[in-house]
C-alpha atoms as a PDB file:
ATOM      1  CA  MET A   1     -18.357  49.044   7.400  1.00  0.00           C
ATOM      2  CA  ASN A   2     -21.744  48.375   5.865  1.00  0.00           C
ATOM      3  CA  GLU A   3     -22.796  51.987   6.500  1.00  0.00           C
ATOM      4  CA  TYR A   4     -19.641  53.159   4.739  1.00  0.00           C
ATOM      5  CA  GLN A   5     -20.393  50.803   1.852  1.00  0.00           C
ATOM      6  CA  GLU A   6     -23.909  52.177   1.511  1.00  0.00           C
ATOM      7  CA  ALA A   7     -22.679  55.789   1.727  1.00  0.00           C
ATOM      8  CA  CYS A   8     -20.253  55.062  -1.129  1.00  0.00           C
ATOM      9  CA  ARG A   9     -23.194  54.527  -3.479  1.00  0.00           C
ATOM     10  CA  GLN A  10     -23.795  58.281  -3.808  1.00  0.00           C
ATOM     11  CA  TYR A  11     -20.359  58.764  -5.358  1.00  0.00           C
ATOM     12  CA  ASP A  12     -20.743  56.021  -7.968  1.00  0.00           C
ATOM     13  CA  LEU A  13     -21.208  58.208 -11.028  1.00  0.00           C
ATOM     14  CA  PHE A  14     -20.871  55.353 -13.546  1.00  0.00           C
ATOM     15  CA  ARG A  15     -23.598  53.109 -12.187  1.00  0.00           C
ATOM     16  CA  GLN A  16     -25.647  51.910 -15.113  1.00  0.00           C
ATOM     17  CA  THR A  17     -26.738  48.947 -13.025  1.00  0.00           C
ATOM     18  CA  GLU A  18     -25.152  47.502  -9.922  1.00  0.00           C
ATOM     19  CA  ASP A  19     -24.353  44.201 -11.534  1.00  0.00           C
ATOM     20  CA  TYR A  20     -21.046  42.429 -12.022  1.00  0.00           C
ATOM     21  CA  LYS A  21     -21.929  41.929 -15.695  1.00  0.00           C
ATOM     22  CA  SER A  22     -22.142  45.668 -16.396  1.00  0.00           C
ATOM     23  CA  PRO A  23     -19.348  47.831 -17.813  1.00  0.00           C
ATOM     24  CA  ALA A  24     -19.618  49.833 -14.571  1.00  0.00           C
ATOM     25  CA  PHE A  25     -18.318  46.805 -12.652  1.00  0.00           C
ATOM     26  CA  LEU A  26     -15.252  46.501 -14.873  1.00  0.00           C
ATOM     27  CA  GLU A  27     -14.664  50.232 -14.433  1.00  0.00           C
ATOM     28  CA  LYS A  28     -14.605  49.681 -10.643  1.00  0.00           C
ATOM     29  CA  VAL A  29     -12.145  46.787 -10.915  1.00  0.00           C
ATOM     30  CA  LEU A  30      -9.831  48.882 -13.079  1.00  0.00           C
ATOM     31  CA  GLY A  31     -10.217  51.779 -10.650  1.00  0.00           C
ATOM     32  CA  LEU A  32      -9.159  49.536  -7.760  1.00  0.00           C
ATOM     33  CA  VAL A  33      -6.018  48.508  -9.602  1.00  0.00           C
ATOM     34  CA  GLY A  34      -5.258  52.134 -10.438  1.00  0.00           C
ATOM     35  CA  GLU A  35      -5.680  53.354  -6.865  1.00  0.00           C
ATOM     36  CA  ALA A  36      -3.615  50.476  -5.481  1.00  0.00           C
ATOM     37  CA  GLY A  37      -0.925  51.469  -7.966  1.00  0.00           C
ATOM     38  CA  GLU A  38      -1.078  55.096  -6.842  1.00  0.00           C
ATOM     39  CA  THR A  39      -0.703  53.964  -3.233  1.00  0.00           C
ATOM     40  CA  ALA A  40       2.294  51.839  -4.135  1.00  0.00           C
ATOM     41  CA  ASP A  41       3.819  54.696  -6.120  1.00  0.00           C
ATOM     42  CA  LYS A  42       3.640  57.078  -3.149  1.00  0.00           C
ATOM     43  CA  ILE A  43       5.316  54.496  -0.923  1.00  0.00           C
ATOM     44  CA  LYS A  44       7.925  53.768  -3.602  1.00  0.00           C
ATOM     45  CA  LYS A  45       8.840  57.450  -3.707  1.00  0.00           C
ATOM     46  CA  VAL A  46       9.218  57.553   0.078  1.00  0.00           C
ATOM     47  CA  ILE A  47      11.611  54.608  -0.136  1.00  0.00           C
ATOM     48  CA  ARG A  48      13.487  55.955  -3.148  1.00  0.00           C
ATOM     49  CA  ASP A  49      13.598  59.664  -2.356  1.00  0.00           C
ATOM     50  CA  LYS A  50      13.263  59.949   1.419  1.00  0.00           C
ATOM     51  CA  ASP A  51      15.267  57.028   2.797  1.00  0.00           C
ATOM     52  CA  GLY A  52      12.009  55.316   3.788  1.00  0.00           C
ATOM     53  CA  ILE A  53      11.031  58.071   6.217  1.00  0.00           C
ATOM     54  CA  ILE A  54       7.298  58.811   6.003  1.00  0.00           C
ATOM     55  CA  SER A  55       6.525  62.429   6.850  1.00  0.00           C
ATOM     56  CA  GLU A  56       3.151  63.562   8.129  1.00  0.00           C
ATOM     57  CA  THR A  57       2.401  64.908   4.640  1.00  0.00           C
ATOM     58  CA  ASP A  58       3.331  61.541   3.109  1.00  0.00           C
ATOM     59  CA  ARG A  59       1.163  59.753   5.653  1.00  0.00           C
ATOM     60  CA  LYS A  60      -1.852  61.886   4.721  1.00  0.00           C
ATOM     61  CA  GLU A  61      -1.260  61.463   0.982  1.00  0.00           C
ATOM     62  CA  ILE A  62      -0.939  57.683   1.361  1.00  0.00           C
ATOM     63  CA  ALA A  63      -4.100  57.653   3.492  1.00  0.00           C
ATOM     64  CA  LYS A  64      -5.982  59.490   0.732  1.00  0.00           C
ATOM     65  CA  GLU A  65      -4.976  56.821  -1.761  1.00  0.00           C
ATOM     66  CA  LEU A  66      -5.930  54.086   0.711  1.00  0.00           C
ATOM     67  CA  GLY A  67      -9.317  55.769   1.075  1.00  0.00           C
ATOM     68  CA  ASP A  68      -9.810  55.715  -2.680  1.00  0.00           C
ATOM     69  CA  THR A  69      -8.808  52.045  -2.699  1.00  0.00           C
ATOM     70  CA  LEU A  70     -11.287  51.335   0.095  1.00  0.00           C
ATOM     71  CA  TRP A  71     -14.055  53.047  -1.884  1.00  0.00           C
ATOM     72  CA  TYR A  72     -13.424  50.737  -4.825  1.00  0.00           C
ATOM     73  CA  VAL A  73     -13.298  47.652  -2.576  1.00  0.00           C
ATOM     74  CA  ALA A  74     -16.596  48.626  -0.950  1.00  0.00           C
ATOM     75  CA  THR A  75     -18.218  49.347  -4.296  1.00  0.00           C
ATOM     76  CA  ILE A  76     -17.010  46.142  -5.936  1.00  0.00           C
ATOM     77  CA  ALA A  77     -18.328  44.197  -2.953  1.00  0.00           C
ATOM     78  CA  ARG A  78     -21.692  45.937  -3.380  1.00  0.00           C
ATOM     79  CA  TYR A  79     -21.807  44.997  -7.060  1.00  0.00           C
ATOM     80  CA  ILE A  80     -21.300  41.334  -6.150  1.00  0.00           C
ATOM     81  CA  LYS A  81     -23.937  41.654  -3.405  1.00  0.00           C
ATOM     82  CA  MET A  82     -21.538  41.189  -0.467  1.00  0.00           C
ATOM     83  CA  PRO A  83     -21.755  43.375   2.625  1.00  0.00           C
ATOM     84  CA  LEU A  84     -18.356  44.919   3.304  1.00  0.00           C
ATOM     85  CA  ALA A  85     -18.484  43.780   6.936  1.00  0.00           C
ATOM     86  CA  GLU A  86     -18.893  40.203   5.723  1.00  0.00           C
ATOM     87  CA  VAL A  87     -15.915  40.556   3.374  1.00  0.00           C
ATOM     88  CA  ALA A  88     -13.811  41.838   6.292  1.00  0.00           C
ATOM     89  CA  GLU A  89     -14.990  39.068   8.622  1.00  0.00           C
ATOM     90  CA  MET A  90     -14.282  36.378   6.022  1.00  0.00           C
ATOM     91  CA  ASN A  91     -10.785  37.776   5.593  1.00  0.00           C
ATOM     92  CA  LEU A  92     -10.097  37.693   9.341  1.00  0.00           C
ATOM     93  CA  GLU A  93     -11.387  34.120   9.551  1.00  0.00           C
ATOM     94  CA  LYS A  94      -9.122  33.094   6.660  1.00  0.00           C
ATOM     95  CA  LEU A  95      -6.100  34.740   8.276  1.00  0.00           C
ATOM     96  CA  GLU A  96      -6.837  33.186  11.658  1.00  0.00           C
ATOM     97  CA  SER A  97      -7.129  29.759  10.051  1.00  0.00           C
ATOM     98  CA  ARG A  98      -3.775  30.238   8.337  1.00  0.00           C
ATOM     99  CA  LYS A  99      -2.234  31.430  11.587  1.00  0.00           C
ATOM    100  CA  GLN A 100      -3.523  28.394  13.463  1.00  0.00           C
ATOM    101  CA  ARG A 101      -2.091  26.110  10.782  1.00  0.00           C
ATOM    102  CA  ASN A 102       1.185  28.083  10.628  1.00  0.00           C
ATOM    103  CA  LEU A 103       0.518  29.045   6.998  1.00  0.00           C
ATOM    104  CA  LEU A 104       0.495  32.849   7.114  1.00  0.00           C
ATOM    105  CA  SER A 105       3.497  32.929   4.782  1.00  0.00           C
ATOM    106  CA  GLY A 106       3.759  30.934   1.617  1.00  0.00           C
ATOM    107  CA  GLU A 107       1.845  30.825  -1.608  1.00  0.00           C
ATOM    108  CA  GLY A 108      -1.613  29.861  -2.779  1.00  0.00           C
ATOM    109  CA  ASP A 109      -5.068  31.193  -2.077  1.00  0.00           C
ATOM    110  CA  ASN A 110      -6.317  28.093  -0.291  1.00  0.00           C
ATOM    111  CA  ARG A 111      -3.390  27.295   1.979  1.00  0.00           C
END
């Protein structure tokens, strides 16, 4: 994951400085929201127009959007000086803790 994160750097065209205080950081956050929305829109159309059946073409198109989303996640993590592997590991630890405490469902970040 860290190699992927580093490779992403070459495609960061709006990289004035890799700092969370730069306009480039905000551009990445907005890009993440946009790509997540595009992913959701493709899935919405499968549900609405195709009775929820995902074709191989749909699968590939959704995967492309997920890839774009992953690029933004990796880049945002780089701007806040977090290795992507560490972000992923922290997430798994959080989920395991919730599972152990029977709190996978529910609300709140710190449950």
